[in-house]
Amino acid sequence: MLKVPDHQVAGHQARNGQLGPLIDDSGRFYKPLQDDDRGSKEVAFYSSFSSNTRVPDHIRRLFPVFHGTQLLEASDGSGLRPHLVLEDVVSSRSHPSVMDIKIGSRTWYPEASEDYIQRCFKKDRETSSLSLGFRISGLQIYGNEESGFWKPERKLVQNLSAADVRVVLKNFVSSNLPVDPNSDPDCSFAASVYGGSTGILAQLLELKAWFEDQTMYHLNSCSVLLVYEKEKVLKGERSDAEVKLIDFAHVTEGKDIIDHNFLGGLCSLIKFISEILTSPDECTTKACLRDSERDKEILTSPDECTTKVCLQDSDKNTNYSENGTIEGM
């Protein structure tokens, strides 16, 4: 039996007769292939990645398991359509808290059309992508059986300032849901979810170490999915916090060049989460607002994987100009 995913927080959703992914009861996620070359590119990436012996096992587990493709009745009733068959990364969780974070200051790829580049560039400027190296695409936070999930509108979370992004990352690991705008996130679960040898930060650092060396793939417009089970933390159990990379319709060949765009955005996210763990006394909205000016320049040392390096196009040396146009095209 196929059904619409309950815990999808970003991307195209199979609701109201629209085309979107489906899931089954066996832990598989069915993503319809897009009509243009994006669908074939994503299949090509998964096929290459899943059989690539140069990808270490500890990195491979950060990607959904690929089960090939399958013809299925599309969610919009348009008939049979090829679908990617992937691991449903939240299938084993009862009430998962989920955050989808799109990585990179640049979400377009060099070979894209001028129209597509301009549309992406506009969105990158209007969201936190250009300033922070990443943007939050969607999230849901589980409260309890009575309150259920807090799931803000996606347009709202995509237009957050640096200070607001920090607040959301703190709310994600707090016991008090952000229903009251005047309440401060308590970060009660930060150590259990973000910290520890198997927490989200440790997994992101493993990914960062790989991206500092790997030159096989450039992951344009890909997302990092953060998932954990709050109920387990409340019971004193391990949160089973997990990082998964998703969305590979715009992956390009690395051509022996490091993916500075993805790496820079990843480093920026790591810095935000690290500061939440190391500054528990500042886990308040007011403190986040005081930090907003500092967040405009996240990192300044090239040795610390700056967001400035994200603005460099490693293939075409394309740069953003001050007036918002794209130079070097």
C-alpha atoms as a PDB file:
ATOM      1  CA  MET A   1       0.000   0.000   0.000  1.00  0.00           C
ATOM      2  CA  LEU A   2       1.465   3.333  -1.089  1.00  0.00           C
ATOM      3  CA  LYS A   3       0.686   6.507   0.813  1.00  0.00           C
ATOM      4  CA  VAL A   4       1.764  10.135   1.078  1.00  0.00           C
ATOM      5  CA  PRO A   5       4.663  10.691   3.525  1.00  0.00           C
ATOM      6  CA  ASP A   6       3.548  12.207   6.828  1.00  0.00           C
ATOM      7  CA  HIS A   7       6.913  13.720   7.693  1.00  0.00           C
ATOM      8  CA  GLN A   8       8.046  15.428   4.505  1.00  0.00           C
ATOM      9  CA  VAL A   9       9.094  19.013   5.309  1.00  0.00           C
ATOM     10  CA  ALA A  10      10.399  20.270   1.940  1.00  0.00           C
ATOM     11  CA  GLY A  11      10.267  19.539  -1.776  1.00  0.00           C
ATOM     12  CA  HIS A  12       7.284  18.654  -3.963  1.00  0.00           C
ATOM     13  CA  GLN A  13       4.515  17.008  -1.942  1.00  0.00           C
ATOM     14  CA  ALA A  14       1.905  14.573  -3.234  1.00  0.00           C
ATOM     15  CA  ARG A  15      -1.101  16.491  -1.999  1.00  0.00           C
ATOM     16  CA  ASN A  16      -4.201  17.923  -3.694  1.00  0.00           C
ATOM     17  CA  GLY A  17      -3.600  16.024  -6.907  1.00  0.00           C
ATOM     18  CA  GLN A  18       0.011  17.147  -7.237  1.00  0.00           C
ATOM     19  CA  LEU A  19       2.943  14.967  -8.236  1.00  0.00           C
ATOM     20  CA  GLY A  20       5.129  13.981  -5.303  1.00  0.00           C
ATOM     21  CA  PRO A  21       6.807  11.091  -3.492  1.00  0.00           C
ATOM     22  CA  LEU A  22       5.089   8.127  -1.886  1.00  0.00           C
ATOM     23  CA  ILE A  23       6.101   5.605   0.774  1.00  0.00           C
ATOM     24  CA  ASP A  24       5.141   2.037   1.639  1.00  0.00           C
ATOM     25  CA  ASP A  25       5.102   0.024   4.876  1.00  0.00           C
ATOM     26  CA  SER A  26       8.409  -1.697   4.192  1.00  0.00           C
ATOM     27  CA  GLY A  27      10.573   1.390   4.677  1.00  0.00           C
ATOM     28  CA  ARG A  28      10.904   2.517   1.067  1.00  0.00           C
ATOM     29  CA  PHE A  29      10.515   6.001  -0.394  1.00  0.00           C
ATOM     30  CA  TYR A  30       9.353   6.402  -4.014  1.00  0.00           C
ATOM     31  CA  LYS A  31      10.403   9.666  -5.663  1.00  0.00           C
ATOM     32  CA  PRO A  32       8.923  10.387  -9.119  1.00  0.00           C
ATOM     33  CA  LEU A  33      11.502  11.165 -11.762  1.00  0.00           C
ATOM     34  CA  GLN A  34      11.196  14.634 -13.201  1.00  0.00           C
ATOM     35  CA  ASP A  35      10.428  14.897 -16.919  1.00  0.00           C
ATOM     36  CA  ASP A  36      13.535  16.841 -17.883  1.00  0.00           C
ATOM     37  CA  ASP A  37      17.129  15.710 -17.440  1.00  0.00           C
ATOM     38  CA  ARG A  38      16.978  16.192 -13.679  1.00  0.00           C
ATOM     39  CA  GLY A  39      15.387  12.781 -13.248  1.00  0.00           C
ATOM     40  CA  SER A  40      17.987  10.963 -15.313  1.00  0.00           C
ATOM     41  CA  LYS A  41      20.782  12.885 -13.574  1.00  0.00           C
ATOM     42  CA  GLU A  42      19.571  11.787 -10.154  1.00  0.00           C
ATOM     43  CA  VAL A  43      19.337   8.156 -11.253  1.00  0.00           C
ATOM     44  CA  ALA A  44      22.838   8.423 -12.715  1.00  0.00           C
ATOM     45  CA  PHE A  45      24.192   9.822  -9.472  1.00  0.00           C
ATOM     46  CA  TYR A  46      22.653   7.130  -7.288  1.00  0.00           C
ATOM     47  CA  SER A  47      23.844   4.398  -9.677  1.00  0.00           C
ATOM     48  CA  SER A  48      27.373   5.802  -9.682  1.00  0.00           C
ATOM     49  CA  PHE A  49      27.509   6.509  -5.966  1.00  0.00           C
ATOM     50  CA  SER A  50      26.086   3.168  -4.825  1.00  0.00           C
ATOM     51  CA  SER A  51      28.674   1.217  -6.840  1.00  0.00           C
ATOM     52  CA  ASN A  52      31.638   3.541  -6.242  1.00  0.00           C
ATOM     53  CA  THR A  53      34.225   1.636  -4.216  1.00  0.00           C
ATOM     54  CA  ARG A  54      36.093   4.870  -3.460  1.00  0.00           C
ATOM     55  CA  VAL A  55      33.266   6.030  -1.184  1.00  0.00           C
ATOM     56  CA  PRO A  56      34.062   4.891   2.390  1.00  0.00           C
ATOM     57  CA  ASP A  57      31.384   3.014   4.313  1.00  0.00           C
ATOM     58  CA  HIS A  58      31.067   5.648   7.052  1.00  0.00           C
ATOM     59  CA  ILE A  59      30.211   8.204   4.353  1.00  0.00           C
ATOM     60  CA  ARG A  60      27.905   5.901   2.409  1.00  0.00           C
ATOM     61  CA  ARG A  61      25.664   5.519   5.466  1.00  0.00           C
ATOM     62  CA  LEU A  62      24.985   9.276   5.358  1.00  0.00           C
ATOM     63  CA  PHE A  63      23.158   8.799   2.037  1.00  0.00           C
ATOM     64  CA  PRO A  64      19.812   7.007   1.539  1.00  0.00           C
ATOM     65  CA  VAL A  65      20.111   3.415   0.344  1.00  0.00           C
ATOM     66  CA  PHE A  66      19.347   3.164  -3.379  1.00  0.00           C
ATOM     67  CA  HIS A  67      17.027   0.343  -4.508  1.00  0.00           C
ATOM     68  CA  GLY A  68      16.877   1.159  -8.217  1.00  0.00           C
ATOM     69  CA  THR A  69      13.847   2.457 -10.110  1.00  0.00           C
ATOM     70  CA  GLN A  70      10.286   1.218 -10.504  1.00  0.00           C
ATOM     71  CA  LEU A  71       7.222   2.072 -12.590  1.00  0.00           C
ATOM     72  CA  LEU A  72       4.376   3.155 -10.313  1.00  0.00           C
ATOM     73  CA  GLU A  73       1.061   4.900 -10.590  1.00  0.00           C
ATOM     74  CA  ALA A  74       1.865   8.588 -10.091  1.00  0.00           C
ATOM     75  CA  SER A  75       0.370  10.404  -7.116  1.00  0.00           C
ATOM     76  CA  ASP A  76      -1.331  12.943  -9.385  1.00  0.00           C
ATOM     77  CA  GLY A  77      -3.249  10.220 -11.248  1.00  0.00           C
ATOM     78  CA  SER A  78      -1.385  10.788 -14.524  1.00  0.00           C
ATOM     79  CA  GLY A  79      -0.593   7.084 -14.994  1.00  0.00           C
ATOM     80  CA  LEU A  80       2.525   4.974 -14.706  1.00  0.00           C
ATOM     81  CA  ARG A  81       5.692   6.921 -14.048  1.00  0.00           C
ATOM     82  CA  PRO A  82       9.273   5.872 -13.226  1.00  0.00           C
ATOM     83  CA  HIS A  83      10.219   6.422  -9.584  1.00  0.00           C
ATOM     84  CA  LEU A  84      13.473   6.309  -7.693  1.00  0.00           C
ATOM     85  CA  VAL A  85      13.221   3.696  -4.954  1.00  0.00           C
ATOM     86  CA  LEU A  86      15.112   4.850  -1.875  1.00  0.00           C
ATOM     87  CA  GLU A  87      15.361   4.200   1.826  1.00  0.00           C
ATOM     88  CA  ASP A  88      12.660   5.994   3.806  1.00  0.00           C
ATOM     89  CA  VAL A  89      14.950   7.576   6.376  1.00  0.00           C
ATOM     90  CA  VAL A  90      12.207   8.215   8.966  1.00  0.00           C
ATOM     91  CA  SER A  91      10.251   4.973   8.598  1.00  0.00           C
ATOM     92  CA  SER A  92      11.522   3.501  11.874  1.00  0.00           C
ATOM     93  CA  ARG A  93      10.598   6.588  13.918  1.00  0.00           C
ATOM     94  CA  SER A  94       7.239   7.300  15.528  1.00  0.00           C
ATOM     95  CA  HIS A  95       7.397  11.077  15.931  1.00  0.00           C
ATOM     96  CA  PRO A  96      10.540  12.324  14.194  1.00  0.00           C
ATOM     97  CA  SER A  97      11.734  15.897  14.481  1.00  0.00           C
ATOM     98  CA  VAL A  98      13.078  16.740  11.020  1.00  0.00           C
ATOM     99  CA  MET A  99      14.947  19.660   9.461  1.00  0.00           C
ATOM    100  CA  ASP A 100      15.835  20.038   5.771  1.00  0.00           C
ATOM    101  CA  ILE A 101      18.821  22.350   5.157  1.00  0.00           C
ATOM    102  CA  LYS A 102      19.896  23.224   1.608  1.00  0.00           C
ATOM    103  CA  ILE A 103      23.677  23.528   1.483  1.00  0.00           C
ATOM    104  CA  GLY A 104      25.699  26.021  -0.547  1.00  0.00           C
ATOM    105  CA  SER A 105      25.836  29.752  -1.185  1.00  0.00           C
ATOM    106  CA  ARG A 106      25.138  28.893  -4.830  1.00  0.00           C
ATOM    107  CA  THR A 107      22.278  26.543  -5.647  1.00  0.00           C
ATOM    108  CA  TRP A 108      22.736  26.641  -9.417  1.00  0.00           C
ATOM    109  CA  TYR A 109      25.274  24.690 -11.442  1.00  0.00           C
ATOM    110  CA  PRO A 110      27.587  26.160 -14.121  1.00  0.00           C
ATOM    111  CA  GLU A 111      26.049  24.255 -17.024  1.00  0.00           C
ATOM    112  CA  ALA A 112      22.508  25.492 -16.288  1.00  0.00           C
ATOM    113  CA  SER A 113      20.665  27.922 -18.546  1.00  0.00           C
ATOM    114  CA  GLU A 114      20.993  31.658 -17.953  1.00  0.00           C
ATOM    115  CA  ASP A 115      17.317  31.849 -16.961  1.00  0.00           C
ATOM    116  CA  TYR A 116      17.692  29.061 -14.400  1.00  0.00           C
ATOM    117  CA  ILE A 117      20.845  30.633 -12.950  1.00  0.00           C
ATOM    118  CA  GLN A 118      19.152  34.000 -12.521  1.00  0.00           C
ATOM    119  CA  ARG A 119      16.131  32.424 -10.793  1.00  0.00           C
ATOM    120  CA  CYS A 120      18.354  30.495  -8.398  1.00  0.00           C
ATOM    121  CA  PHE A 121      20.578  33.494  -7.796  1.00  0.00           C
ATOM    122  CA  LYS A 122      17.542  35.618  -6.912  1.00  0.00           C
ATOM    123  CA  LYS A 123      16.390  33.062  -4.354  1.00  0.00           C
ATOM    124  CA  ASP A 124      19.906  32.656  -2.961  1.00  0.00           C
ATOM    125  CA  ARG A 125      20.049  36.413  -2.361  1.00  0.00           C
ATOM    126  CA  GLU A 126      16.584  36.612  -0.836  1.00  0.00           C
ATOM    127  CA  THR A 127      17.227  33.757   1.593  1.00  0.00           C
ATOM    128  CA  SER A 128      20.167  33.019   3.866  1.00  0.00           C
ATOM    129  CA  SER A 129      21.959  30.934   1.218  1.00  0.00           C
ATOM    130  CA  LEU A 130      24.206  33.698  -0.038  1.00  0.00           C
ATOM    131  CA  SER A 131      24.985  35.199   3.364  1.00  0.00           C
ATOM    132  CA  LEU A 132      25.326  32.008   5.427  1.00  0.00           C
ATOM    133  CA  GLY A 133      26.134  29.297   2.895  1.00  0.00           C
ATOM    134  CA  PHE A 134      22.924  27.386   3.678  1.00  0.00           C
ATOM    135  CA  ARG A 135      19.213  27.905   4.151  1.00  0.00           C
ATOM    136  CA  ILE A 136      16.550  26.034   6.072  1.00  0.00           C
ATOM    137  CA  SER A 137      14.047  24.630   3.563  1.00  0.00           C
ATOM    138  CA  GLY A 138      11.563  23.209   6.058  1.00  0.00           C
ATOM    139  CA  LEU A 139      11.219  21.596   9.463  1.00  0.00           C
ATOM    140  CA  GLN A 140       8.947  19.992  11.979  1.00  0.00           C
ATOM    141  CA  ILE A 141       9.541  19.673  15.714  1.00  0.00           C
ATOM    142  CA  TYR A 142       7.638  17.183  17.852  1.00  0.00           C
ATOM    143  CA  GLY A 143       6.348  18.457  21.169  1.00  0.00           C
ATOM    144  CA  ASN A 144       4.318  15.757  22.886  1.00  0.00           C
ATOM    145  CA  GLU A 145       1.203  13.686  22.367  1.00  0.00           C
ATOM    146  CA  GLU A 146      -1.027  16.625  23.252  1.00  0.00           C
ATOM    147  CA  SER A 147       0.685  19.388  21.242  1.00  0.00           C
ATOM    148  CA  GLY A 148       1.818  17.270  18.309  1.00  0.00           C
ATOM    149  CA  PHE A 149       4.180  18.817  15.760  1.00  0.00           C
ATOM    150  CA  TRP A 150       5.204  22.424  15.245  1.00  0.00           C
ATOM    151  CA  LYS A 151       5.593  22.792  11.489  1.00  0.00           C
ATOM    152  CA  PRO A 152       5.977  26.387  10.265  1.00  0.00           C
ATOM    153  CA  GLU A 153       5.229  27.440   6.717  1.00  0.00           C
ATOM    154  CA  ARG A 154       8.176  26.748   4.420  1.00  0.00           C
ATOM    155  CA  LYS A 155       8.191  30.262   2.981  1.00  0.00           C
ATOM    156  CA  LEU A 156       8.562  31.598   6.502  1.00  0.00           C
ATOM    157  CA  VAL A 157      11.617  29.546   7.413  1.00  0.00           C
ATOM    158  CA  GLN A 158      13.341  30.069   4.060  1.00  0.00           C
ATOM    159  CA  ASN A 159      13.544  33.845   4.585  1.00  0.00           C
ATOM    160  CA  LEU A 160      15.214  33.834   7.979  1.00  0.00           C
ATOM    161  CA  SER A 161      18.023  36.168   8.999  1.00  0.00           C
ATOM    162  CA  ALA A 162      21.257  34.863  10.504  1.00  0.00           C
ATOM    163  CA  ALA A 163      19.903  35.527  13.997  1.00  0.00           C
ATOM    164  CA  ASP A 164      16.640  33.752  13.181  1.00  0.00           C
ATOM    165  CA  VAL A 165      18.484  30.731  11.762  1.00  0.00           C
ATOM    166  CA  ARG A 166      20.352  30.384  15.041  1.00  0.00           C
ATOM    167  CA  VAL A 167      17.077  30.523  16.955  1.00  0.00           C
ATOM    168  CA  VAL A 168      15.542  27.796  14.786  1.00  0.00           C
ATOM    169  CA  LEU A 169      18.580  25.544  15.247  1.00  0.00           C
ATOM    170  CA  LYS A 170      18.169  26.035  19.007  1.00  0.00           C
ATOM    171  CA  ASN A 171      14.417  25.461  18.905  1.00  0.00           C
ATOM    172  CA  PHE A 172      15.079  22.184  17.105  1.00  0.00           C
ATOM    173  CA  VAL A 173      16.752  20.798  20.251  1.00  0.00           C
ATOM    174  CA  SER A 174      14.594  22.523  22.880  1.00  0.00           C
ATOM    175  CA  SER A 175      11.896  21.073  25.104  1.00  0.00           C
ATOM    176  CA  ASN A 176       9.627  24.110  24.734  1.00  0.00           C
ATOM    177  CA  LEU A 177       7.920  24.491  21.359  1.00  0.00           C
ATOM    178  CA  PRO A 178       8.296  27.968  19.797  1.00  0.00           C
ATOM    179  CA  VAL A 179       4.562  28.722  19.804  1.00  0.00           C
ATOM    180  CA  ASP A 180       5.168  31.799  21.945  1.00  0.00           C
ATOM    181  CA  PRO A 181       7.427  34.291  20.099  1.00  0.00           C
ATOM    182  CA  ASN A 182       8.551  35.729  23.465  1.00  0.00           C
ATOM    183  CA  SER A 183       9.750  32.399  24.858  1.00  0.00           C
ATOM    184  CA  ASP A 184      13.425  31.526  24.737  1.00  0.00           C
ATOM    185  CA  PRO A 185      14.625  28.117  23.472  1.00  0.00           C
ATOM    186  CA  ASP A 186      16.073  26.107  26.356  1.00  0.00           C
ATOM    187  CA  CYS A 187      18.295  23.800  24.256  1.00  0.00           C
ATOM    188  CA  SER A 188      17.555  20.942  26.659  1.00  0.00           C
ATOM    189  CA  PHE A 189      18.411  18.293  24.071  1.00  0.00           C
ATOM    190  CA  ALA A 190      21.422  19.976  22.444  1.00  0.00           C
ATOM    191  CA  ALA A 191      23.984  17.698  24.079  1.00  0.00           C
ATOM    192  CA  SER A 192      21.975  14.551  23.285  1.00  0.00           C
ATOM    193  CA  VAL A 193      21.170  15.449  19.671  1.00  0.00           C
ATOM    194  CA  TYR A 194      23.949  17.708  18.424  1.00  0.00           C
ATOM    195  CA  GLY A 195      26.728  16.486  20.717  1.00  0.00           C
ATOM    196  CA  GLY A 196      28.392  13.177  21.532  1.00  0.00           C
ATOM    197  CA  SER A 197      30.484  10.799  19.486  1.00  0.00           C
ATOM    198  CA  THR A 198      27.485   9.761  17.372  1.00  0.00           C
ATOM    199  CA  GLY A 199      25.530  13.040  17.387  1.00  0.00           C
ATOM    200  CA  ILE A 200      24.713  15.326  14.499  1.00  0.00           C
ATOM    201  CA  LEU A 201      27.871  17.418  14.866  1.00  0.00           C
ATOM    202  CA  ALA A 202      30.118  14.349  14.788  1.00  0.00           C
ATOM    203  CA  GLN A 203      28.395  13.115  11.623  1.00  0.00           C
ATOM    204  CA  LEU A 204      28.701  16.520   9.959  1.00  0.00           C
ATOM    205  CA  LEU A 205      32.401  16.607  10.820  1.00  0.00           C
ATOM    206  CA  GLU A 206      32.852  13.184   9.196  1.00  0.00           C
ATOM    207  CA  LEU A 207      31.151  14.538   6.083  1.00  0.00           C
ATOM    208  CA  LYS A 208      33.320  17.665   6.149  1.00  0.00           C
ATOM    209  CA  ALA A 209      36.519  15.610   6.340  1.00  0.00           C
ATOM    210  CA  TRP A 210      35.437  13.660   3.248  1.00  0.00           C
ATOM    211  CA  PHE A 211      34.531  16.788   1.290  1.00  0.00           C
ATOM    212  CA  GLU A 212      37.934  18.244   2.045  1.00  0.00           C
ATOM    213  CA  ASP A 213      39.388  15.460  -0.115  1.00  0.00           C
ATOM    214  CA  GLN A 214      36.741  14.089  -2.487  1.00  0.00           C
ATOM    215  CA  THR A 215      36.727  15.519  -6.021  1.00  0.00           C
ATOM    216  CA  MET A 216      34.340  13.043  -7.676  1.00  0.00           C
ATOM    217  CA  TYR A 217      31.060  14.918  -7.205  1.00  0.00           C
ATOM    218  CA  HIS A 218      29.808  18.481  -6.886  1.00  0.00           C
ATOM    219  CA  LEU A 219      26.547  18.367  -4.931  1.00  0.00           C
ATOM    220  CA  ASN A 220      24.711  21.418  -6.237  1.00  0.00           C
ATOM    221  CA  SER A 221      21.430  22.295  -4.484  1.00  0.00           C
ATOM    222  CA  CYS A 222      21.567  19.237  -2.221  1.00  0.00           C
ATOM    223  CA  SER A 223      20.157  19.138   1.286  1.00  0.00           C
ATOM    224  CA  VAL A 224      21.255  17.817   4.638  1.00  0.00           C
ATOM    225  CA  LEU A 225      18.405  16.193   6.558  1.00  0.00           C
ATOM    226  CA  LEU A 226      18.656  16.230  10.374  1.00  0.00           C
ATOM    227  CA  VAL A 227      16.440  13.711  12.178  1.00  0.00           C
ATOM    228  CA  TYR A 228      15.985  12.594  15.782  1.00  0.00           C
ATOM    229  CA  GLU A 229      13.353  11.130  18.100  1.00  0.00           C
ATOM    230  CA  LYS A 230      12.482  13.460  21.001  1.00  0.00           C
ATOM    231  CA  GLU A 231      10.509  10.798  22.881  1.00  0.00           C
ATOM    232  CA  LYS A 232      13.651   8.690  23.254  1.00  0.00           C
ATOM    233  CA  VAL A 233      15.543  11.620  24.752  1.00  0.00           C
ATOM    234  CA  LEU A 234      12.736  12.267  27.230  1.00  0.00           C
ATOM    235  CA  LYS A 235      12.977   8.643  28.342  1.00  0.00           C
ATOM    236  CA  GLY A 236      16.717   8.965  28.879  1.00  0.00           C
ATOM    237  CA  GLU A 237      17.541   6.887  25.816  1.00  0.00           C
ATOM    238  CA  ARG A 238      19.807   7.770  22.900  1.00  0.00           C
ATOM    239  CA  SER A 239      18.204  10.189  20.477  1.00  0.00           C
ATOM    240  CA  ASP A 240      19.295   8.180  17.417  1.00  0.00           C
ATOM    241  CA  ALA A 241      20.143  11.512  15.810  1.00  0.00           C
ATOM    242  CA  GLU A 242      20.926  11.032  12.153  1.00  0.00           C
ATOM    243  CA  VAL A 243      22.260  13.020   9.206  1.00  0.00           C
ATOM    244  CA  LYS A 244      21.231  12.136   5.656  1.00  0.00           C
ATOM    245  CA  LEU A 245      22.047  13.844   2.377  1.00  0.00           C
ATOM    246  CA  ILE A 246      19.164  14.069  -0.106  1.00  0.00           C
ATOM    247  CA  ASP A 247      18.231  15.607  -3.484  1.00  0.00           C
ATOM    248  CA  PHE A 248      20.784  14.917  -6.211  1.00  0.00           C
ATOM    249  CA  ALA A 249      19.092  16.142  -9.385  1.00  0.00           C
ATOM    250  CA  HIS A 250      21.793  18.766  -9.971  1.00  0.00           C
ATOM    251  CA  VAL A 251      24.959  16.827  -9.172  1.00  0.00           C
ATOM    252  CA  THR A 252      27.833  17.401 -11.612  1.00  0.00           C
ATOM    253  CA  GLU A 253      31.186  15.714 -12.057  1.00  0.00           C
ATOM    254  CA  GLY A 254      33.895  16.942  -9.737  1.00  0.00           C
ATOM    255  CA  LYS A 255      36.621  16.877 -12.402  1.00  0.00           C
ATOM    256  CA  ASP A 256      39.296  16.553  -9.695  1.00  0.00           C
ATOM    257  CA  ILE A 257      38.208  19.842  -8.066  1.00  0.00           C
ATOM    258  CA  ILE A 258      37.027  20.120  -4.477  1.00  0.00           C
ATOM    259  CA  ASP A 259      33.374  21.132  -4.098  1.00  0.00           C
ATOM    260  CA  HIS A 260      34.066  24.421  -2.291  1.00  0.00           C
ATOM    261  CA  ASN A 261      30.447  25.536  -2.573  1.00  0.00           C
ATOM    262  CA  PHE A 262      29.109  22.565  -0.606  1.00  0.00           C
ATOM    263  CA  LEU A 263      32.103  22.421   1.740  1.00  0.00           C
ATOM    264  CA  GLY A 264      31.835  26.097   2.654  1.00  0.00           C
ATOM    265  CA  GLY A 265      28.124  25.849   3.434  1.00  0.00           C
ATOM    266  CA  LEU A 266      28.700  22.707   5.460  1.00  0.00           C
ATOM    267  CA  CYS A 267      31.402  24.459   7.505  1.00  0.00           C
ATOM    268  CA  SER A 268      29.024  27.338   8.163  1.00  0.00           C
ATOM    269  CA  LEU A 269      26.334  24.972   9.465  1.00  0.00           C
ATOM    270  CA  ILE A 270      28.930  23.187  11.607  1.00  0.00           C
ATOM    271  CA  LYS A 271      29.951  26.508  13.145  1.00  0.00           C
ATOM    272  CA  PHE A 272      26.364  27.391  14.056  1.00  0.00           C
ATOM    273  CA  ILE A 273      25.776  24.019  15.715  1.00  0.00           C
ATOM    274  CA  SER A 274      29.165  24.059  17.467  1.00  0.00           C
ATOM    275  CA  GLU A 275      28.371  27.440  19.027  1.00  0.00           C
ATOM    276  CA  ILE A 276      25.067  26.135  20.360  1.00  0.00           C
ATOM    277  CA  LEU A 277      26.950  23.312  22.097  1.00  0.00           C
ATOM    278  CA  THR A 278      29.759  25.474  23.450  1.00  0.00           C
ATOM    279  CA  SER A 279      27.646  28.466  24.559  1.00  0.00           C
ATOM    280  CA  PRO A 280      24.688  26.994  26.489  1.00  0.00           C
ATOM    281  CA  ASP A 281      24.311  30.171  28.558  1.00  0.00           C
ATOM    282  CA  GLU A 282      23.534  32.111  25.389  1.00  0.00           C
ATOM    283  CA  CYS A 283      20.675  29.862  24.374  1.00  0.00           C
ATOM    284  CA  THR A 284      18.131  32.686  24.279  1.00  0.00           C
ATOM    285  CA  THR A 285      16.483  34.646  21.539  1.00  0.00           C
ATOM    286  CA  LYS A 286      17.962  37.890  22.853  1.00  0.00           C
ATOM    287  CA  ALA A 287      21.460  36.481  22.661  1.00  0.00           C
ATOM    288  CA  CYS A 288      20.830  35.385  19.093  1.00  0.00           C
ATOM    289  CA  LEU A 289      19.727  38.873  18.124  1.00  0.00           C
ATOM    290  CA  ARG A 290      22.853  40.380  19.650  1.00  0.00           C
ATOM    291  CA  ASP A 291      24.915  38.040  17.492  1.00  0.00           C
ATOM    292  CA  SER A 292      23.226  39.000  14.228  1.00  0.00           C
ATOM    293  CA  GLU A 293      25.883  41.487  13.171  1.00  0.00           C
ATOM    294  CA  ARG A 294      28.660  39.031  13.888  1.00  0.00           C
ATOM    295  CA  ASP A 295      26.884  36.373  11.840  1.00  0.00           C
ATOM    296  CA  LYS A 296      27.124  38.516   8.707  1.00  0.00           C
ATOM    297  CA  GLU A 297      30.775  37.495   8.568  1.00  0.00           C
ATOM    298  CA  ILE A 298      30.618  33.902   9.670  1.00  0.00           C
ATOM    299  CA  LEU A 299      34.231  32.977   9.169  1.00  0.00           C
ATOM    300  CA  THR A 300      37.121  35.111   8.022  1.00  0.00           C
ATOM    301  CA  SER A 301      40.065  32.720   7.887  1.00  0.00           C
ATOM    302  CA  PRO A 302      40.518  30.705   4.676  1.00  0.00           C
ATOM    303  CA  ASP A 303      41.832  27.876   6.811  1.00  0.00           C
ATOM    304  CA  GLU A 304      38.468  27.637   8.548  1.00  0.00           C
ATOM    305  CA  CYS A 305      36.505  26.902   5.389  1.00  0.00           C
ATOM    306  CA  THR A 306      34.882  30.286   4.891  1.00  0.00           C
ATOM    307  CA  THR A 307      31.631  31.141   3.242  1.00  0.00           C
ATOM    308  CA  LYS A 308      33.626  33.410   0.955  1.00  0.00           C
ATOM    309  CA  VAL A 309      35.044  30.343  -0.751  1.00  0.00           C
ATOM    310  CA  CYS A 310      31.453  29.313  -1.463  1.00  0.00           C
ATOM    311  CA  LEU A 311      31.156  32.315  -3.740  1.00  0.00           C
ATOM    312  CA  GLN A 312      33.868  30.992  -5.974  1.00  0.00           C
ATOM    313  CA  ASP A 313      32.815  28.812  -8.854  1.00  0.00           C
ATOM    314  CA  SER A 314      35.552  26.240  -9.033  1.00  0.00           C
ATOM    315  CA  ASP A 315      34.757  25.334 -12.635  1.00  0.00           C
ATOM    316  CA  LYS A 316      34.368  28.730 -14.280  1.00  0.00           C
ATOM    317  CA  ASN A 317      35.750  31.142 -11.692  1.00  0.00           C
ATOM    318  CA  THR A 318      32.311  32.732 -11.628  1.00  0.00           C
ATOM    319  CA  ASN A 319      31.859  35.456  -9.007  1.00  0.00           C
ATOM    320  CA  TYR A 320      28.975  37.405  -7.574  1.00  0.00           C
ATOM    321  CA  SER A 321      29.349  41.119  -8.187  1.00  0.00           C
ATOM    322  CA  GLU A 322      28.272  43.790  -5.742  1.00  0.00           C
ATOM    323  CA  ASN A 323      25.271  44.853  -7.795  1.00  0.00           C
ATOM    324  CA  GLY A 324      23.807  41.342  -7.819  1.00  0.00           C
ATOM    325  CA  THR A 325      24.688  40.380 -11.372  1.00  0.00           C
ATOM    326  CA  ILE A 326      26.739  37.338 -12.277  1.00  0.00           C
ATOM    327  CA  GLU A 327      30.155  37.918 -13.701  1.00  0.00           C
ATOM    328  CA  GLY A 328      32.192  35.534 -15.764  1.00  0.00           C
ATOM    329  CA  MET A 329      29.267  33.892 -17.552  1.00  0.00           C
END
